[in-house]
Amino acid sequence: MDDGQDNLDEMLRWRSRCSSLLAITIVVGGAVSLLPGLHPRLFNGGLWFLFALVPLLAVATLVTVYYLARVSLTHGGSSYAIQHVGLALVLLPIGLIGALIVPLLVRSDVEKGIAEWRRSRS
């Protein structure tokens, strides 16, 4: 396998980790919001678990964007990479859409040859 394909596979693996951590964080956050009425000690433990998940989610998101940049740069060139990383960063505050959707867009462009086509046009 070439370096570009390895980067693409890593990007998709980290995207999957990011989406899994986001789902776990949402479930734990929902459970923690219900715990204060049930049992205060469980609420404190749930909060600590939630606080432990947030940095993991942040790391998974940053590594996903890092591999997004590498794949975009390898296949589409610097202009393509700047545009797609910028799009990912702008969409990150909206439910981490930038880390979940933009890698799929880049994968689609790479598989269809659009990224290479845009590189040859610049």
N, C-alpha and C. Protein backbone atom coordinates (compact mmCIF):
# COMPACT_ATOMS: atom_id res chain seq x y z
N MET A 1 0.85 -1.19 0.00
CA MET A 1 0.00 0.00 0.00
C MET A 1 0.88 1.24 0.00
N ASP A 2 0.40 2.28 -0.65
CA ASP A 2 1.17 3.51 -0.67
C ASP A 2 0.82 4.36 0.55
N ASP A 3 1.61 5.40 0.73
CA ASP A 3 1.46 6.28 1.90
C ASP A 3 0.10 6.97 1.90
N GLY A 4 -0.40 7.36 0.73
CA GLY A 4 -1.69 8.03 0.65
C GLY A 4 -2.82 7.13 1.11
N GLN A 5 -2.77 5.85 0.74
CA GLN A 5 -3.81 4.91 1.17
C GLN A 5 -3.72 4.65 2.66
N ASP A 6 -2.49 4.55 3.19
CA ASP A 6 -2.32 4.37 4.64
C ASP A 6 -2.91 5.54 5.40
N ASN A 7 -2.65 6.76 4.93
CA ASN A 7 -3.21 7.94 5.58
C ASN A 7 -4.73 7.95 5.51
N LEU A 8 -5.28 7.53 4.38
CA LEU A 8 -6.72 7.48 4.23
C LEU A 8 -7.33 6.48 5.21
N ASP A 9 -6.71 5.32 5.33
CA ASP A 9 -7.20 4.31 6.28
C ASP A 9 -7.12 4.81 7.72
N GLU A 10 -6.00 5.47 8.07
CA GLU A 10 -5.86 6.01 9.42
C GLU A 10 -6.91 7.09 9.69
N MET A 11 -7.15 7.95 8.71
CA MET A 11 -8.16 9.00 8.88
C MET A 11 -9.53 8.39 9.17
N LEU A 12 -9.87 7.35 8.43
CA LEU A 12 -11.18 6.72 8.63
C LEU A 12 -11.26 5.99 9.96
N ARG A 13 -10.13 5.38 10.41
CA ARG A 13 -10.12 4.74 11.72
C ARG A 13 -10.34 5.78 12.84
N TRP A 14 -9.64 6.91 12.74
CA TRP A 14 -9.79 7.94 13.77
C TRP A 14 -11.16 8.58 13.71
N ARG A 15 -11.75 8.69 12.53
CA ARG A 15 -13.11 9.21 12.42
C ARG A 15 -14.07 8.28 13.14
N SER A 16 -13.87 6.98 12.98
CA SER A 16 -14.70 6.00 13.66
C SER A 16 -14.55 6.10 15.17
N ARG A 17 -13.33 6.26 15.65
CA ARG A 17 -13.10 6.43 17.09
C ARG A 17 -13.77 7.69 17.60
N CYS A 18 -13.68 8.75 16.83
CA CYS A 18 -14.28 10.02 17.21
C CYS A 18 -15.80 9.88 17.32
N SER A 19 -16.42 9.23 16.34
CA SER A 19 -17.88 9.08 16.39
C SER A 19 -18.30 8.18 17.54
N SER A 20 -17.51 7.13 17.83
CA SER A 20 -17.83 6.26 18.97
C SER A 20 -17.73 7.02 20.28
N LEU A 21 -16.67 7.79 20.45
CA LEU A 21 -16.51 8.57 21.68
C LEU A 21 -17.60 9.62 21.81
N LEU A 22 -18.02 10.22 20.70
CA LEU A 22 -19.10 11.20 20.75
C LEU A 22 -20.39 10.53 21.22
N ALA A 23 -20.67 9.35 20.69
CA ALA A 23 -21.89 8.63 21.12
C ALA A 23 -21.83 8.26 22.59
N ILE A 24 -20.68 7.78 23.05
CA ILE A 24 -20.54 7.43 24.47
C ILE A 24 -20.69 8.67 25.34
N THR A 25 -20.10 9.79 24.91
CA THR A 25 -20.21 11.03 25.68
C THR A 25 -21.65 11.50 25.77
N ILE A 26 -22.39 11.38 24.69
CA ILE A 26 -23.81 11.78 24.70
C ILE A 26 -24.61 10.88 25.64
N VAL A 27 -24.37 9.58 25.59
CA VAL A 27 -25.10 8.65 26.46
C VAL A 27 -24.75 8.91 27.93
N VAL A 28 -23.46 9.06 28.22
CA VAL A 28 -23.05 9.32 29.61
C VAL A 28 -23.58 10.67 30.08
N GLY A 29 -23.53 11.67 29.21
CA GLY A 29 -24.07 12.98 29.57
C GLY A 29 -25.56 12.91 29.88
N GLY A 30 -26.29 12.14 29.10
CA GLY A 30 -27.72 11.96 29.37
C GLY A 30 -27.96 11.23 30.68
N ALA A 31 -27.16 10.21 30.93
CA ALA A 31 -27.30 9.46 32.19
C ALA A 31 -26.94 10.33 33.39
N VAL A 32 -25.88 11.12 33.26
CA VAL A 32 -25.45 11.97 34.36
C VAL A 32 -26.52 13.02 34.66
N SER A 33 -27.22 13.49 33.65
CA SER A 33 -28.26 14.49 33.90
C SER A 33 -29.43 13.91 34.68
N LEU A 34 -29.62 12.58 34.63
CA LEU A 34 -30.70 11.94 35.38
C LEU A 34 -30.29 11.53 36.79
N LEU A 35 -28.97 11.44 37.07
CA LEU A 35 -28.51 10.90 38.34
C LEU A 35 -28.73 11.77 39.58
N PRO A 36 -28.74 13.10 39.51
CA PRO A 36 -28.85 13.85 40.77
C PRO A 36 -30.11 13.52 41.56
N GLY A 37 -31.21 13.25 40.89
CA GLY A 37 -32.43 12.91 41.61
C GLY A 37 -32.40 11.49 42.16
N LEU A 38 -31.61 10.62 41.56
CA LEU A 38 -31.56 9.23 42.00
C LEU A 38 -30.59 9.02 43.15
N HIS A 39 -29.35 9.45 42.95
CA HIS A 39 -28.35 9.22 43.98
C HIS A 39 -27.19 10.19 43.78
N PRO A 40 -26.93 11.07 44.76
CA PRO A 40 -25.88 12.08 44.60
C PRO A 40 -24.48 11.51 44.40
N ARG A 41 -24.15 10.39 45.02
CA ARG A 41 -22.80 9.83 44.87
C ARG A 41 -22.57 9.32 43.45
N LEU A 42 -23.61 8.75 42.85
CA LEU A 42 -23.49 8.31 41.46
C LEU A 42 -23.30 9.50 40.53
N PHE A 43 -23.93 10.62 40.87
CA PHE A 43 -23.80 11.82 40.06
C PHE A 43 -22.35 12.28 40.00
N ASN A 44 -21.65 12.28 41.14
CA ASN A 44 -20.24 12.70 41.16
C ASN A 44 -19.37 11.76 40.33
N GLY A 45 -19.60 10.47 40.45
CA GLY A 45 -18.83 9.51 39.66
C GLY A 45 -19.11 9.66 38.17
N GLY A 46 -20.36 9.90 37.83
CA GLY A 46 -20.73 10.10 36.43
C GLY A 46 -20.10 11.36 35.86
N LEU A 47 -20.02 12.41 36.68
CA LEU A 47 -19.37 13.65 36.21
C LEU A 47 -17.91 13.43 35.93
N TRP A 48 -17.22 12.69 36.81
CA TRP A 48 -15.80 12.45 36.57
C TRP A 48 -15.58 11.62 35.32
N PHE A 49 -16.45 10.65 35.11
CA PHE A 49 -16.34 9.85 33.90
C PHE A 49 -16.57 10.70 32.65
N LEU A 50 -17.54 11.60 32.73
CA LEU A 50 -17.82 12.50 31.62
C LEU A 50 -16.63 13.43 31.37
N PHE A 51 -16.04 13.94 32.44
CA PHE A 51 -14.86 14.81 32.30
C PHE A 51 -13.67 14.05 31.73
N ALA A 52 -13.59 12.75 31.96
CA ALA A 52 -12.52 11.94 31.38
C ALA A 52 -12.76 11.70 29.89
N LEU A 53 -14.02 11.62 29.49
CA LEU A 53 -14.33 11.37 28.08
C LEU A 53 -14.07 12.58 27.19
N VAL A 54 -14.28 13.76 27.71
CA VAL A 54 -14.15 14.97 26.88
C VAL A 54 -12.73 15.13 26.32
N PRO A 55 -11.65 14.97 27.13
CA PRO A 55 -10.31 15.07 26.53
C PRO A 55 -10.04 13.97 25.49
N LEU A 56 -10.55 12.78 25.73
CA LEU A 56 -10.38 11.71 24.73
C LEU A 56 -11.07 12.07 23.42
N LEU A 57 -12.26 12.64 23.54
CA LEU A 57 -12.99 13.08 22.36
C LEU A 57 -12.22 14.19 21.63
N ALA A 58 -11.63 15.11 22.39
CA ALA A 58 -10.85 16.19 21.78
C ALA A 58 -9.63 15.64 21.05
N VAL A 59 -8.94 14.68 21.65
CA VAL A 59 -7.77 14.08 21.01
C VAL A 59 -8.18 13.35 19.73
N ALA A 60 -9.24 12.57 19.79
CA ALA A 60 -9.71 11.84 18.60
C ALA A 60 -10.09 12.81 17.49
N THR A 61 -10.71 13.93 17.85
CA THR A 61 -11.10 14.93 16.86
C THR A 61 -9.86 15.57 16.22
N LEU A 62 -8.89 15.94 17.04
CA LEU A 62 -7.67 16.57 16.50
C LEU A 62 -6.88 15.62 15.61
N VAL A 63 -6.78 14.37 16.00
CA VAL A 63 -6.05 13.41 15.17
C VAL A 63 -6.80 13.16 13.87
N THR A 64 -8.13 13.14 13.91
CA THR A 64 -8.91 12.99 12.68
C THR A 64 -8.64 14.15 11.73
N VAL A 65 -8.63 15.37 12.26
CA VAL A 65 -8.36 16.54 11.41
C VAL A 65 -6.92 16.51 10.90
N TYR A 66 -5.98 16.03 11.72
CA TYR A 66 -4.59 15.90 11.28
C TYR A 66 -4.49 14.96 10.07
N TYR A 67 -5.10 13.78 10.18
CA TYR A 67 -5.05 12.85 9.05
C TYR A 67 -5.85 13.35 7.86
N LEU A 68 -6.90 14.10 8.13
CA LEU A 68 -7.65 14.75 7.04
C LEU A 68 -6.72 15.67 6.26
N ALA A 69 -5.91 16.44 6.98
CA ALA A 69 -4.96 17.35 6.33
C ALA A 69 -3.92 16.57 5.52
N ARG A 70 -3.42 15.47 6.08
CA ARG A 70 -2.41 14.68 5.36
C ARG A 70 -2.98 14.05 4.09
N VAL A 71 -4.17 13.48 4.19
CA VAL A 71 -4.79 12.86 3.02
C VAL A 71 -5.10 13.92 1.97
N SER A 72 -5.65 15.04 2.41
CA SER A 72 -5.99 16.11 1.46
C SER A 72 -4.75 16.64 0.77
N LEU A 73 -3.68 16.82 1.51
CA LEU A 73 -2.44 17.33 0.93
C LEU A 73 -1.82 16.33 -0.03
N THR A 74 -1.85 15.05 0.34
CA THR A 74 -1.26 14.02 -0.52
C THR A 74 -2.02 13.87 -1.83
N HIS A 75 -3.34 13.84 -1.76
CA HIS A 75 -4.14 13.55 -2.94
C HIS A 75 -4.57 14.79 -3.71
N GLY A 76 -4.83 15.89 -3.01
CA GLY A 76 -5.41 17.04 -3.69
C GLY A 76 -4.55 18.28 -3.75
N GLY A 77 -3.43 18.28 -3.05
CA GLY A 77 -2.56 19.45 -3.06
C GLY A 77 -2.87 20.42 -1.93
N SER A 78 -2.08 21.48 -1.86
CA SER A 78 -2.19 22.40 -0.73
C SER A 78 -3.49 23.19 -0.74
N SER A 79 -3.96 23.62 -1.89
CA SER A 79 -5.21 24.37 -1.95
C SER A 79 -6.38 23.51 -1.51
N TYR A 80 -6.43 22.29 -1.97
CA TYR A 80 -7.48 21.35 -1.59
C TYR A 80 -7.44 21.09 -0.08
N ALA A 81 -6.21 20.90 0.45
CA ALA A 81 -6.07 20.63 1.88
C ALA A 81 -6.52 21.82 2.72
N ILE A 82 -6.14 23.02 2.34
CA ILE A 82 -6.54 24.21 3.10
C ILE A 82 -8.06 24.35 3.09
N GLN A 83 -8.68 24.13 1.95
CA GLN A 83 -10.14 24.27 1.86
C GLN A 83 -10.86 23.24 2.74
N HIS A 84 -10.42 22.00 2.71
CA HIS A 84 -11.13 20.96 3.45
C HIS A 84 -10.82 20.99 4.94
N VAL A 85 -9.60 21.31 5.32
CA VAL A 85 -9.31 21.46 6.74
C VAL A 85 -10.04 22.68 7.29
N GLY A 86 -10.09 23.76 6.52
CA GLY A 86 -10.85 24.94 6.95
C GLY A 86 -12.32 24.61 7.13
N LEU A 87 -12.89 23.85 6.19
CA LEU A 87 -14.28 23.44 6.31
C LEU A 87 -14.49 22.59 7.56
N ALA A 88 -13.58 21.66 7.81
CA ALA A 88 -13.70 20.82 9.00
C ALA A 88 -13.64 21.65 10.28
N LEU A 89 -12.72 22.62 10.33
CA LEU A 89 -12.59 23.45 11.53
C LEU A 89 -13.80 24.35 11.74
N VAL A 90 -14.37 24.85 10.66
CA VAL A 90 -15.56 25.70 10.78
C VAL A 90 -16.76 24.87 11.27
N LEU A 91 -16.85 23.62 10.83
CA LEU A 91 -17.99 22.79 11.20
C LEU A 91 -17.81 22.03 12.52
N LEU A 92 -16.62 22.07 13.12
CA LEU A 92 -16.40 21.35 14.38
C LEU A 92 -17.34 21.77 15.50
N PRO A 93 -17.61 23.06 15.71
CA PRO A 93 -18.48 23.43 16.83
C PRO A 93 -19.92 22.94 16.68
N ILE A 94 -20.33 22.54 15.51
CA ILE A 94 -21.70 22.10 15.28
C ILE A 94 -21.74 20.58 15.43
N GLY A 95 -21.69 20.10 16.64
CA GLY A 95 -21.79 18.66 16.90
C GLY A 95 -20.67 17.83 16.30
N LEU A 96 -19.50 18.41 16.15
CA LEU A 96 -18.33 17.74 15.57
C LEU A 96 -18.56 17.26 14.14
N ILE A 97 -19.44 17.94 13.43
CA ILE A 97 -19.71 17.56 12.04
C ILE A 97 -18.45 17.62 11.19
N GLY A 98 -17.56 18.57 11.51
CA GLY A 98 -16.33 18.69 10.73
C GLY A 98 -15.47 17.45 10.80
N ALA A 99 -15.46 16.77 11.95
CA ALA A 99 -14.64 15.56 12.09
C ALA A 99 -15.39 14.31 11.64
N LEU A 100 -16.69 14.42 11.47
CA LEU A 100 -17.46 13.24 11.10
C LEU A 100 -17.85 13.21 9.62
N ILE A 101 -18.13 14.36 9.03
CA ILE A 101 -18.63 14.40 7.65
C ILE A 101 -17.52 14.71 6.64
N VAL A 102 -16.65 15.66 6.95
CA VAL A 102 -15.63 16.09 5.98
C VAL A 102 -14.68 14.93 5.60
N PRO A 103 -14.27 14.04 6.54
CA PRO A 103 -13.45 12.90 6.09
C PRO A 103 -14.16 12.02 5.07
N LEU A 104 -15.47 11.89 5.18
CA LEU A 104 -16.21 11.11 4.18
C LEU A 104 -16.20 11.81 2.83
N LEU A 105 -16.28 13.13 2.85
CA LEU A 105 -16.21 13.91 1.62
C LEU A 105 -14.85 13.73 0.94
N VAL A 106 -13.79 13.79 1.73
CA VAL A 106 -12.44 13.62 1.18
C VAL A 106 -12.26 12.20 0.65
N ARG A 107 -12.74 11.20 1.40
CA ARG A 107 -12.64 9.82 0.92
C ARG A 107 -13.36 9.66 -0.42
N SER A 108 -14.55 10.24 -0.52
CA SER A 108 -15.30 10.17 -1.77
C SER A 108 -14.54 10.84 -2.91
N ASP A 109 -13.95 12.00 -2.63
CA ASP A 109 -13.17 12.69 -3.66
C ASP A 109 -11.96 11.87 -4.09
N VAL A 110 -11.30 11.23 -3.14
CA VAL A 110 -10.12 10.42 -3.46
C VAL A 110 -10.54 9.21 -4.30
N GLU A 111 -11.61 8.54 -3.90
CA GLU A 111 -12.04 7.34 -4.64
C GLU A 111 -12.52 7.66 -6.05
N LYS A 112 -13.14 8.82 -6.23
CA LYS A 112 -13.65 9.21 -7.55
C LYS A 112 -12.59 9.91 -8.40
N GLY A 113 -11.45 10.22 -7.82
CA GLY A 113 -10.40 10.89 -8.57
C GLY A 113 -10.56 12.41 -8.64
N ILE A 114 -11.51 12.95 -7.90
CA ILE A 114 -11.74 14.40 -7.93
C ILE A 114 -10.59 15.15 -7.30
N ALA A 115 -10.03 14.58 -6.22
CA ALA A 115 -8.91 15.26 -5.54
C ALA A 115 -7.71 15.40 -6.48
N GLU A 116 -7.37 14.32 -7.18
CA GLU A 116 -6.24 14.38 -8.11
C GLU A 116 -6.53 15.34 -9.27
N TRP A 117 -7.78 15.32 -9.73
CA TRP A 117 -8.18 16.23 -10.81
C TRP A 117 -8.00 17.69 -10.37
N ARG A 118 -8.42 18.00 -9.14
CA ARG A 118 -8.28 19.37 -8.64
C ARG A 118 -6.82 19.72 -8.46
N ARG A 119 -6.00 18.73 -8.09
CA ARG A 119 -4.57 18.99 -7.95
C ARG A 119 -3.95 19.33 -9.30
N SER A 120 -4.36 18.62 -10.34
CA SER A 120 -3.80 18.85 -11.67
C SER A 120 -4.26 20.20 -12.26
N ARG A 121 -5.39 20.69 -11.79
CA ARG A 121 -5.92 21.96 -12.31
C ARG A 121 -5.32 23.17 -11.61
N SER A 122 -4.68 22.97 -10.46
CA SER A 122 -4.14 24.13 -9.74
C SER A 122 -2.71 24.42 -10.09
